[in-house]
Amino acid sequence: MVPLLMSRAPRQSSAGEARPASEPSFEKALAELERVVAQMESGNLSLEQALAAHKRGLELARFCQARLEAAQQQVKVLEGEVLKPLADAAGSGDGD
């Protein structure tokens, strides 16, 4: 398994909230997950290595899933904030 390289300073996500330095980006986690899957599919791992790769793959998959769910929730909130005022503005213009 290839460990992720991580900086020591907190990073800013696209939404502006700080991320702990130990938390990889979604893209890096997904790339590592793809490498782990490729290693496992190669069939060249010992049983112990395969079990460790499987464990790491599950951790990465859960992390990616959580990040995707958080992003989906953010999109829903943003759509609600953006679309609601537009609908209200259209409705108030018809009452003249």
PDB file of N, CA and C in Angstrom:
ATOM      1  N   MET A   1       0.832  -1.183   0.000  1.00  0.00           N
ATOM      2  CA  MET A   1       0.000   0.000   0.000  1.00  0.00           C
ATOM      3  C   MET A   1       0.873   1.241   0.000  1.00  0.00           C
ATOM      4  N   VAL A   2       0.410   2.255  -0.702  1.00  0.00           N
ATOM      5  CA  VAL A   2       1.148   3.504  -0.762  1.00  0.00           C
ATOM      6  C   VAL A   2       0.492   4.481   0.196  1.00  0.00           C
ATOM      7  N   PRO A   3       1.216   4.989   1.207  1.00  0.00           N
ATOM      8  CA  PRO A   3       0.603   5.938   2.135  1.00  0.00           C
ATOM      9  C   PRO A   3       0.372   7.276   1.457  1.00  0.00           C
ATOM     10  N   LEU A   4      -0.652   7.966   1.894  1.00  0.00           N
ATOM     11  CA  LEU A   4      -0.943   9.295   1.360  1.00  0.00           C
ATOM     12  C   LEU A   4       0.062  10.293   1.894  1.00  0.00           C
ATOM     13  N   LEU A   5       0.482  11.207   1.067  1.00  0.00           N
ATOM     14  CA  LEU A   5       1.329  12.302   1.515  1.00  0.00           C
ATOM     15  C   LEU A   5       0.417  13.403   2.014  1.00  0.00           C
ATOM     16  N   MET A   6       0.668  13.870   3.204  1.00  0.00           N
ATOM     17  CA  MET A   6      -0.211  14.877   3.783  1.00  0.00           C
ATOM     18  C   MET A   6       0.606  16.026   4.326  1.00  0.00           C
ATOM     19  N   SER A   7       0.097  17.228   4.106  1.00  0.00           N
ATOM     20  CA  SER A   7       0.779  18.397   4.649  1.00  0.00           C
ATOM     21  C   SER A   7       0.459  18.525   6.125  1.00  0.00           C
ATOM     22  N   ARG A   8       1.219  19.333   6.802  1.00  0.00           N
ATOM     23  CA  ARG A   8       0.997  19.487   8.239  1.00  0.00           C
ATOM     24  C   ARG A   8       0.021  20.601   8.566  1.00  0.00           C
ATOM     25  N   ALA A   9      -0.159  21.538   7.659  1.00  0.00           N
ATOM     26  CA  ALA A   9      -1.068  22.666   7.911  1.00  0.00           C
ATOM     27  C   ALA A   9      -2.482  22.277   7.532  1.00  0.00           C
ATOM     28  N   PRO A  10      -3.489  22.806   8.269  1.00  0.00           N
ATOM     29  CA  PRO A  10      -4.873  22.525   7.886  1.00  0.00           C
ATOM     30  C   PRO A  10      -5.150  23.068   6.495  1.00  0.00           C
ATOM     31  N   ARG A  11      -5.945  22.365   5.731  1.00  0.00           N
ATOM     32  CA  ARG A  11      -6.297  22.797   4.386  1.00  0.00           C
ATOM     33  C   ARG A  11      -7.689  23.371   4.384  1.00  0.00           C
ATOM     34  N   GLN A  12      -7.949  24.198   3.412  1.00  0.00           N
ATOM     35  CA  GLN A  12      -9.284  24.738   3.215  1.00  0.00           C
ATOM     36  C   GLN A  12      -9.980  23.908   2.160  1.00  0.00           C
ATOM     37  N   SER A  13     -11.220  23.513   2.408  1.00  0.00           N
ATOM     38  CA  SER A  13     -11.973  22.803   1.399  1.00  0.00           C
ATOM     39  C   SER A  13     -12.606  23.837   0.478  1.00  0.00           C
ATOM     40  N   SER A  14     -13.276  23.369  -0.555  1.00  0.00           N
ATOM     41  CA  SER A  14     -13.889  24.283  -1.509  1.00  0.00           C
ATOM     42  C   SER A  14     -14.971  25.127  -0.850  1.00  0.00           C
ATOM     43  N   ALA A  15     -15.560  24.663   0.225  1.00  0.00           N
ATOM     44  CA  ALA A  15     -16.591  25.419   0.918  1.00  0.00           C
ATOM     45  C   ALA A  15     -15.993  26.367   1.953  1.00  0.00           C
ATOM     46  N   GLY A  16     -14.681  26.293   2.183  1.00  0.00           N
ATOM     47  CA  GLY A  16     -14.021  27.232   3.067  1.00  0.00           C
ATOM     48  C   GLY A  16     -13.772  26.727   4.469  1.00  0.00           C
ATOM     49  N   GLU A  17     -14.304  25.579   4.856  1.00  0.00           N
ATOM     50  CA  GLU A  17     -14.060  25.093   6.210  1.00  0.00           C
ATOM     51  C   GLU A  17     -12.703  24.405   6.266  1.00  0.00           C
ATOM     52  N   ALA A  18     -12.039  24.517   7.411  1.00  0.00           N
ATOM     53  CA  ALA A  18     -10.710  23.923   7.573  1.00  0.00           C
ATOM     54  C   ALA A  18     -10.836  22.414   7.698  1.00  0.00           C
ATOM     55  N   ARG A  19      -9.892  21.710   7.112  1.00  0.00           N
ATOM     56  CA  ARG A  19      -9.825  20.261   7.204  1.00  0.00           C
ATOM     57  C   ARG A  19      -8.595  19.903   7.993  1.00  0.00           C
ATOM     58  N   PRO A  20      -8.660  18.928   8.895  1.00  0.00           N
ATOM     59  CA  PRO A  20      -7.459  18.529   9.629  1.00  0.00           C
ATOM     60  C   PRO A  20      -6.373  18.078   8.662  1.00  0.00           C
ATOM     61  N   ALA A  21      -5.119  18.314   9.051  1.00  0.00           N
ATOM     62  CA  ALA A  21      -3.999  17.963   8.190  1.00  0.00           C
ATOM     63  C   ALA A  21      -3.944  16.460   7.928  1.00  0.00           C
ATOM     64  N   SER A  22      -4.457  15.641   8.853  1.00  0.00           N
ATOM     65  CA  SER A  22      -4.387  14.193   8.688  1.00  0.00           C
ATOM     66  C   SER A  22      -5.461  13.670   7.736  1.00  0.00           C
ATOM     67  N   GLU A  23      -6.399  14.503   7.342  1.00  0.00           N
ATOM     68  CA  GLU A  23      -7.486  14.061   6.471  1.00  0.00           C
ATOM     69  C   GLU A  23      -7.121  14.322   5.012  1.00  0.00           C
ATOM     70  N   PRO A  24      -7.076  13.270   4.185  1.00  0.00           N
ATOM     71  CA  PRO A  24      -6.715  13.466   2.780  1.00  0.00           C
ATOM     72  C   PRO A  24      -7.857  14.101   2.004  1.00  0.00           C
ATOM     73  N   SER A  25      -7.557  14.614   0.844  1.00  0.00           N
ATOM     74  CA  SER A  25      -8.619  15.118  -0.011  1.00  0.00           C
ATOM     75  C   SER A  25      -9.381  13.929  -0.596  1.00  0.00           C
ATOM     76  N   PHE A  26     -10.563  14.198  -1.064  1.00  0.00           N
ATOM     77  CA  PHE A  26     -11.366  13.156  -1.702  1.00  0.00           C
ATOM     78  C   PHE A  26     -10.605  12.558  -2.874  1.00  0.00           C
ATOM     79  N   GLU A  27      -9.990  13.407  -3.672  1.00  0.00           N
ATOM     80  CA  GLU A  27      -9.287  12.953  -4.866  1.00  0.00           C
ATOM     81  C   GLU A  27      -8.112  12.039  -4.517  1.00  0.00           C
ATOM     82  N   LYS A  28      -7.348  12.406  -3.480  1.00  0.00           N
ATOM     83  CA  LYS A  28      -6.221  11.562  -3.083  1.00  0.00           C
ATOM     84  C   LYS A  28      -6.703  10.229  -2.517  1.00  0.00           C
ATOM     85  N   ALA A  29      -7.778  10.270  -1.737  1.00  0.00           N
ATOM     86  CA  ALA A  29      -8.320   9.033  -1.167  1.00  0.00           C
ATOM     87  C   ALA A  29      -8.840   8.127  -2.275  1.00  0.00           C
ATOM     88  N   LEU A  30      -9.511   8.701  -3.256  1.00  0.00           N
ATOM     89  CA  LEU A  30     -10.030   7.904  -4.368  1.00  0.00           C
ATOM     90  C   LEU A  30      -8.892   7.308  -5.193  1.00  0.00           C
ATOM     91  N   ALA A  31      -7.837   8.083  -5.413  1.00  0.00           N
ATOM     92  CA  ALA A  31      -6.681   7.569  -6.159  1.00  0.00           C
ATOM     93  C   ALA A  31      -6.028   6.417  -5.400  1.00  0.00           C
ATOM     94  N   GLU A  32      -5.908   6.559  -4.081  1.00  0.00           N
ATOM     95  CA  GLU A  32      -5.323   5.469  -3.296  1.00  0.00           C
ATOM     96  C   GLU A  32      -6.223   4.247  -3.333  1.00  0.00           C
ATOM     97  N   LEU A  33      -7.522   4.452  -3.251  1.00  0.00           N
ATOM     98  CA  LEU A  33      -8.460   3.333  -3.319  1.00  0.00           C
ATOM     99  C   LEU A  33      -8.314   2.598  -4.649  1.00  0.00           C
ATOM    100  N   GLU A  34      -8.153   3.337  -5.727  1.00  0.00           N
ATOM    101  CA  GLU A  34      -7.971   2.704  -7.030  1.00  0.00           C
ATOM    102  C   GLU A  34      -6.676   1.882  -7.068  1.00  0.00           C
ATOM    103  N   ARG A  35      -5.621   2.393  -6.434  1.00  0.00           N
ATOM    104  CA  ARG A  35      -4.360   1.644  -6.379  1.00  0.00           C
ATOM    105  C   ARG A  35      -4.526   0.367  -5.555  1.00  0.00           C
ATOM    106  N   VAL A  36      -5.230   0.472  -4.433  1.00  0.00           N
ATOM    107  CA  VAL A  36      -5.456  -0.698  -3.575  1.00  0.00           C
ATOM    108  C   VAL A  36      -6.241  -1.758  -4.338  1.00  0.00           C
ATOM    109  N   VAL A  37      -7.276  -1.346  -5.039  1.00  0.00           N
ATOM    110  CA  VAL A  37      -8.084  -2.295  -5.813  1.00  0.00           C
ATOM    111  C   VAL A  37      -7.230  -2.963  -6.882  1.00  0.00           C
ATOM    112  N   ALA A  38      -6.401  -2.173  -7.562  1.00  0.00           N
ATOM    113  CA  ALA A  38      -5.532  -2.748  -8.603  1.00  0.00           C
ATOM    114  C   ALA A  38      -4.568  -3.768  -8.007  1.00  0.00           C
ATOM    115  N   GLN A  39      -4.015  -3.470  -6.837  1.00  0.00           N
ATOM    116  CA  GLN A  39      -3.116  -4.415  -6.175  1.00  0.00           C
ATOM    117  C   GLN A  39      -3.844  -5.713  -5.845  1.00  0.00           C
ATOM    118  N   MET A  40      -5.055  -5.574  -5.326  1.00  0.00           N
ATOM    119  CA  MET A  40      -5.813  -6.767  -4.956  1.00  0.00           C
ATOM    120  C   MET A  40      -6.204  -7.579  -6.185  1.00  0.00           C
ATOM    121  N   GLU A  41      -6.560  -6.889  -7.262  1.00  0.00           N
ATOM    122  CA  GLU A  41      -6.949  -7.594  -8.481  1.00  0.00           C
ATOM    123  C   GLU A  41      -5.770  -8.287  -9.149  1.00  0.00           C
ATOM    124  N   SER A  42      -4.563  -7.811  -8.870  1.00  0.00           N
ATOM    125  CA  SER A  42      -3.378  -8.417  -9.493  1.00  0.00           C
ATOM    126  C   SER A  42      -3.166  -9.857  -9.037  1.00  0.00           C
ATOM    127  N   GLY A  43      -3.645 -10.174  -7.833  1.00  0.00           N
ATOM    128  CA  GLY A  43      -3.486 -11.511  -7.306  1.00  0.00           C
ATOM    129  C   GLY A  43      -2.089 -11.812  -6.790  1.00  0.00           C
ATOM    130  N   ASN A  44      -1.254 -10.788  -6.670  1.00  0.00           N
ATOM    131  CA  ASN A  44       0.121 -10.985  -6.232  1.00  0.00           C
ATOM    132  C   ASN A  44       0.334 -10.731  -4.745  1.00  0.00           C
ATOM    133  N   LEU A  45      -0.737 -10.543  -3.981  1.00  0.00           N
ATOM    134  CA  LEU A  45      -0.607 -10.256  -2.555  1.00  0.00           C
ATOM    135  C   LEU A  45      -0.724 -11.534  -1.738  1.00  0.00           C
ATOM    136  N   SER A  46       0.031 -11.588  -0.655  1.00  0.00           N
ATOM    137  CA  SER A  46      -0.130 -12.702   0.284  1.00  0.00           C
ATOM    138  C   SER A  46      -1.463 -12.522   1.001  1.00  0.00           C
ATOM    139  N   LEU A  47      -1.867 -13.517   1.737  1.00  0.00           N
ATOM    140  CA  LEU A  47      -3.123 -13.433   2.470  1.00  0.00           C
ATOM    141  C   LEU A  47      -3.117 -12.248   3.425  1.00  0.00           C
ATOM    142  N   GLU A  48      -2.018 -12.065   4.159  1.00  0.00           N
ATOM    143  CA  GLU A  48      -1.921 -10.955   5.114  1.00  0.00           C
ATOM    144  C   GLU A  48      -1.967  -9.606   4.397  1.00  0.00           C
ATOM    145  N   GLN A  49      -1.270  -9.519   3.267  1.00  0.00           N
ATOM    146  CA  GLN A  49      -1.272  -8.275   2.494  1.00  0.00           C
ATOM    147  C   GLN A  49      -2.660  -8.001   1.922  1.00  0.00           C
ATOM    148  N   ALA A  50      -3.335  -9.051   1.461  1.00  0.00           N
ATOM    149  CA  ALA A  50      -4.680  -8.897   0.907  1.00  0.00           C
ATOM    150  C   ALA A  50      -5.658  -8.433   1.983  1.00  0.00           C
ATOM    151  N   LEU A  51      -5.527  -8.996   3.194  1.00  0.00           N
ATOM    152  CA  LEU A  51      -6.406  -8.570   4.292  1.00  0.00           C
ATOM    153  C   LEU A  51      -6.145  -7.112   4.666  1.00  0.00           C
ATOM    154  N   ALA A  52      -4.874  -6.725   4.716  1.00  0.00           N
ATOM    155  CA  ALA A  52      -4.537  -5.332   5.033  1.00  0.00           C
ATOM    156  C   ALA A  52      -5.031  -4.404   3.933  1.00  0.00           C
ATOM    157  N   ALA A  53      -4.893  -4.819   2.683  1.00  0.00           N
ATOM    158  CA  ALA A  53      -5.369  -3.999   1.565  1.00  0.00           C
ATOM    159  C   ALA A  53      -6.885  -3.883   1.603  1.00  0.00           C
ATOM    160  N   HIS A  54      -7.553  -4.976   1.930  1.00  0.00           N
ATOM    161  CA  HIS A  54      -9.019  -4.946   2.030  1.00  0.00           C
ATOM    162  C   HIS A  54      -9.457  -3.987   3.133  1.00  0.00           C
ATOM    163  N   LYS A  55      -8.802  -4.043   4.269  1.00  0.00           N
ATOM    164  CA  LYS A  55      -9.132  -3.146   5.381  1.00  0.00           C
ATOM    165  C   LYS A  55      -8.933  -1.692   4.967  1.00  0.00           C
ATOM    166  N   ARG A  56      -7.789  -1.409   4.326  1.00  0.00           N
ATOM    167  CA  ARG A  56      -7.514  -0.038   3.892  1.00  0.00           C
ATOM    168  C   ARG A  56      -8.525   0.407   2.839  1.00  0.00           C
ATOM    169  N   GLY A  57      -8.875  -0.496   1.945  1.00  0.00           N
ATOM    170  CA  GLY A  57      -9.865  -0.177   0.920  1.00  0.00           C
ATOM    171  C   GLY A  57     -11.214   0.178   1.518  1.00  0.00           C
ATOM    172  N   LEU A  58     -11.622  -0.560   2.542  1.00  0.00           N
ATOM    173  CA  LEU A  58     -12.886  -0.242   3.220  1.00  0.00           C
ATOM    174  C   LEU A  58     -12.828   1.121   3.880  1.00  0.00           C
ATOM    175  N   GLU A  59     -11.700   1.428   4.523  1.00  0.00           N
ATOM    176  CA  GLU A  59     -11.545   2.747   5.151  1.00  0.00           C
ATOM    177  C   GLU A  59     -11.652   3.855   4.113  1.00  0.00           C
ATOM    178  N   LEU A  60     -10.978   3.673   3.005  1.00  0.00           N
ATOM    179  CA  LEU A  60     -10.999   4.693   1.948  1.00  0.00           C
ATOM    180  C   LEU A  60     -12.385   4.818   1.320  1.00  0.00           C
ATOM    181  N   ALA A  61     -13.042   3.689   1.096  1.00  0.00           N
ATOM    182  CA  ALA A  61     -14.385   3.723   0.510  1.00  0.00           C
ATOM    183  C   ALA A  61     -15.361   4.439   1.439  1.00  0.00           C
ATOM    184  N   ARG A  62     -15.265   4.161   2.732  1.00  0.00           N
ATOM    185  CA  ARG A  62     -16.146   4.842   3.702  1.00  0.00           C
ATOM    186  C   ARG A  62     -15.863   6.343   3.737  1.00  0.00           C
ATOM    187  N   PHE A  63     -14.581   6.699   3.708  1.00  0.00           N
ATOM    188  CA  PHE A  63     -14.211   8.114   3.702  1.00  0.00           C
ATOM    189  C   PHE A  63     -14.780   8.806   2.467  1.00  0.00           C
ATOM    190  N   CYS A  64     -14.587   8.195   1.295  1.00  0.00           N
ATOM    191  CA  CYS A  64     -15.086   8.793   0.055  1.00  0.00           C
ATOM    192  C   CYS A  64     -16.607   8.903   0.074  1.00  0.00           C
ATOM    193  N   GLN A  65     -17.277   7.879   0.560  1.00  0.00           N
ATOM    194  CA  GLN A  65     -18.736   7.911   0.641  1.00  0.00           C
ATOM    195  C   GLN A  65     -19.205   9.042   1.545  1.00  0.00           C
ATOM    196  N   ALA A  66     -18.547   9.211   2.682  1.00  0.00           N
ATOM    197  CA  ALA A  66     -18.929  10.284   3.608  1.00  0.00           C
ATOM    198  C   ALA A  66     -18.710  11.653   2.970  1.00  0.00           C
ATOM    199  N   ARG A  67     -17.600  11.809   2.256  1.00  0.00           N
ATOM    200  CA  ARG A  67     -17.325  13.087   1.584  1.00  0.00           C
ATOM    201  C   ARG A  67     -18.357  13.370   0.507  1.00  0.00           C
ATOM    202  N   LEU A  68     -18.758  12.333  -0.242  1.00  0.00           N
ATOM    203  CA  LEU A  68     -19.782  12.518  -1.270  1.00  0.00           C
ATOM    204  C   LEU A  68     -21.125  12.883  -0.654  1.00  0.00           C
ATOM    205  N   GLU A  69     -21.486  12.231   0.441  1.00  0.00           N
ATOM    206  CA  GLU A  69     -22.744  12.542   1.108  1.00  0.00           C
ATOM    207  C   GLU A  69     -22.733  13.977   1.644  1.00  0.00           C
ATOM    208  N   ALA A  70     -21.601  14.411   2.196  1.00  0.00           N
ATOM    209  CA  ALA A  70     -21.482  15.789   2.689  1.00  0.00           C
ATOM    210  C   ALA A  70     -21.610  16.781   1.534  1.00  0.00           C
ATOM    211  N   ALA A  71     -21.006  16.458   0.404  1.00  0.00           N
ATOM    212  CA  ALA A  71     -21.096  17.332  -0.764  1.00  0.00           C
ATOM    213  C   ALA A  71     -22.531  17.402  -1.275  1.00  0.00           C
ATOM    214  N   GLN A  72     -23.222  16.265  -1.290  1.00  0.00           N
ATOM    215  CA  GLN A  72     -24.622  16.248  -1.713  1.00  0.00           C
ATOM    216  C   GLN A  72     -25.470  17.126  -0.799  1.00  0.00           C
ATOM    217  N   GLN A  73     -25.225  17.025   0.492  1.00  0.00           N
ATOM    218  CA  GLN A  73     -25.974  17.822   1.452  1.00  0.00           C
ATOM    219  C   GLN A  73     -25.701  19.304   1.233  1.00  0.00           C
ATOM    220  N   GLN A  74     -24.454  19.641   0.958  1.00  0.00           N
ATOM    221  CA  GLN A  74     -24.090  21.028   0.710  1.00  0.00           C
ATOM    222  C   GLN A  74     -24.796  21.557  -0.532  1.00  0.00           C
ATOM    223  N   VAL A  75     -24.865  20.738  -1.580  1.00  0.00           N
ATOM    224  CA  VAL A  75     -25.542  21.148  -2.809  1.00  0.00           C
ATOM    225  C   VAL A  75     -27.022  21.400  -2.524  1.00  0.00           C
ATOM    226  N   LYS A  76     -27.641  20.528  -1.738  1.00  0.00           N
ATOM    227  CA  LYS A  76     -29.057  20.722  -1.395  1.00  0.00           C
ATOM    228  C   LYS A  76     -29.261  22.029  -0.657  1.00  0.00           C
ATOM    229  N   VAL A  77     -28.374  22.331   0.292  1.00  0.00           N
ATOM    230  CA  VAL A  77     -28.478  23.580   1.047  1.00  0.00           C
ATOM    231  C   VAL A  77     -28.284  24.768   0.115  1.00  0.00           C
ATOM    232  N   LEU A  78     -27.270  24.692  -0.722  1.00  0.00           N
ATOM    233  CA  LEU A  78     -27.006  25.798  -1.649  1.00  0.00           C
ATOM    234  C   LEU A  78     -28.156  26.003  -2.618  1.00  0.00           C
ATOM    235  N   GLU A  79     -28.706  24.931  -3.138  1.00  0.00           N
ATOM    236  CA  GLU A  79     -29.850  25.054  -4.044  1.00  0.00           C
ATOM    237  C   GLU A  79     -31.039  25.665  -3.322  1.00  0.00           C
ATOM    238  N   GLY A  80     -31.240  25.287  -2.083  1.00  0.00           N
ATOM    239  CA  GLY A  80     -32.341  25.857  -1.304  1.00  0.00           C
ATOM    240  C   GLY A  80     -32.158  27.343  -1.078  1.00  0.00           C
ATOM    241  N   GLU A  81     -30.936  27.768  -0.785  1.00  0.00           N
ATOM    242  CA  GLU A  81     -30.666  29.178  -0.553  1.00  0.00           C
ATOM    243  C   GLU A  81     -30.730  29.983  -1.842  1.00  0.00           C
ATOM    244  N   VAL A  82     -30.309  29.409  -2.952  1.00  0.00           N
ATOM    245  CA  VAL A  82     -30.276  30.139  -4.210  1.00  0.00           C
ATOM    246  C   VAL A  82     -31.637  30.119  -4.889  1.00  0.00           C
ATOM    247  N   LEU A  83     -32.260  28.969  -4.935  1.00  0.00           N
ATOM    248  CA  LEU A  83     -33.500  28.843  -5.682  1.00  0.00           C
ATOM    249  C   LEU A  83     -34.703  29.435  -4.943  1.00  0.00           C
ATOM    250  N   LYS A  84     -34.712  29.363  -3.622  1.00  0.00           N
ATOM    251  CA  LYS A  84     -35.859  29.878  -2.876  1.00  0.00           C
ATOM    252  C   LYS A  84     -36.057  31.377  -3.089  1.00  0.00           C
ATOM    253  N   PRO A  85     -35.035  32.226  -2.940  1.00  0.00           N
ATOM    254  CA  PRO A  85     -35.240  33.662  -3.169  1.00  0.00           C
ATOM    255  C   PRO A  85     -35.672  33.967  -4.597  1.00  0.00           C
ATOM    256  N   LEU A  86     -35.190  33.216  -5.582  1.00  0.00           N
ATOM    257  CA  LEU A  86     -35.609  33.469  -6.953  1.00  0.00           C
ATOM    258  C   LEU A  86     -37.086  33.172  -7.132  1.00  0.00           C
ATOM    259  N   ALA A  87     -37.559  32.102  -6.530  1.00  0.00           N
ATOM    260  CA  ALA A  87     -38.980  31.755  -6.620  1.00  0.00           C
ATOM    261  C   ALA A  87     -39.818  32.792  -5.897  1.00  0.00           C
ATOM    262  N   ASP A  88     -39.364  33.269  -4.735  1.00  0.00           N
ATOM    263  CA  ASP A  88     -40.084  34.296  -3.985  1.00  0.00           C
ATOM    264  C   ASP A  88     -40.141  35.599  -4.777  1.00  0.00           C
ATOM    265  N   ALA A  89     -39.055  35.948  -5.445  1.00  0.00           N
ATOM    266  CA  ALA A  89     -39.009  37.194  -6.225  1.00  0.00           C
ATOM    267  C   ALA A  89     -39.968  37.104  -7.408  1.00  0.00           C
ATOM    268  N   ALA A  90     -40.058  35.964  -8.047  1.00  0.00           N
ATOM    269  CA  ALA A  90     -40.965  35.798  -9.176  1.00  0.00           C
ATOM    270  C   ALA A  90     -42.420  35.887  -8.712  1.00  0.00           C
ATOM    271  N   GLY A  91     -42.712  35.328  -7.548  1.00  0.00           N
ATOM    272  CA  GLY A  91     -44.065  35.372  -7.014  1.00  0.00           C
ATOM    273  C   GLY A  91     -44.484  36.766  -6.598  1.00  0.00           C
ATOM    274  N   SER A  92     -43.564  37.581  -6.053  1.00  0.00           N
ATOM    275  CA  SER A  92     -43.920  38.921  -5.592  1.00  0.00           C
ATOM    276  C   SER A  92     -44.118  39.888  -6.755  1.00  0.00           C
ATOM    277  N   GLY A  93     -43.569  39.592  -7.919  1.00  0.00           N
ATOM    278  CA  GLY A  93     -43.731  40.469  -9.077  1.00  0.00           C
ATOM    279  C   GLY A  93     -45.091  40.322  -9.722  1.00  0.00           C
ATOM    280  N   ASP A  94     -45.799  39.220  -9.464  1.00  0.00           N
ATOM    281  CA  ASP A  94     -47.100  38.979 -10.089  1.00  0.00           C
ATOM    282  C   ASP A  94     -48.244  39.641  -9.341  1.00  0.00           C
ATOM    283  N   GLY A  95     -48.007  40.156  -8.154  1.00  0.00           N
ATOM    284  CA  GLY A  95     -49.087  40.695  -7.328  1.00  0.00           C
ATOM    285  C   GLY A  95     -49.435  42.133  -7.623  1.00  0.00           C
ATOM    286  N   ASP A  96     -48.893  42.787  -8.653  1.00  0.00           N
ATOM    287  CA  ASP A  96     -49.155  44.219  -8.954  1.00  0.00           C
ATOM    288  C   ASP A  96     -50.501  44.405  -9.463  1.00  0.00           C
TER     289      ASP A  96
END
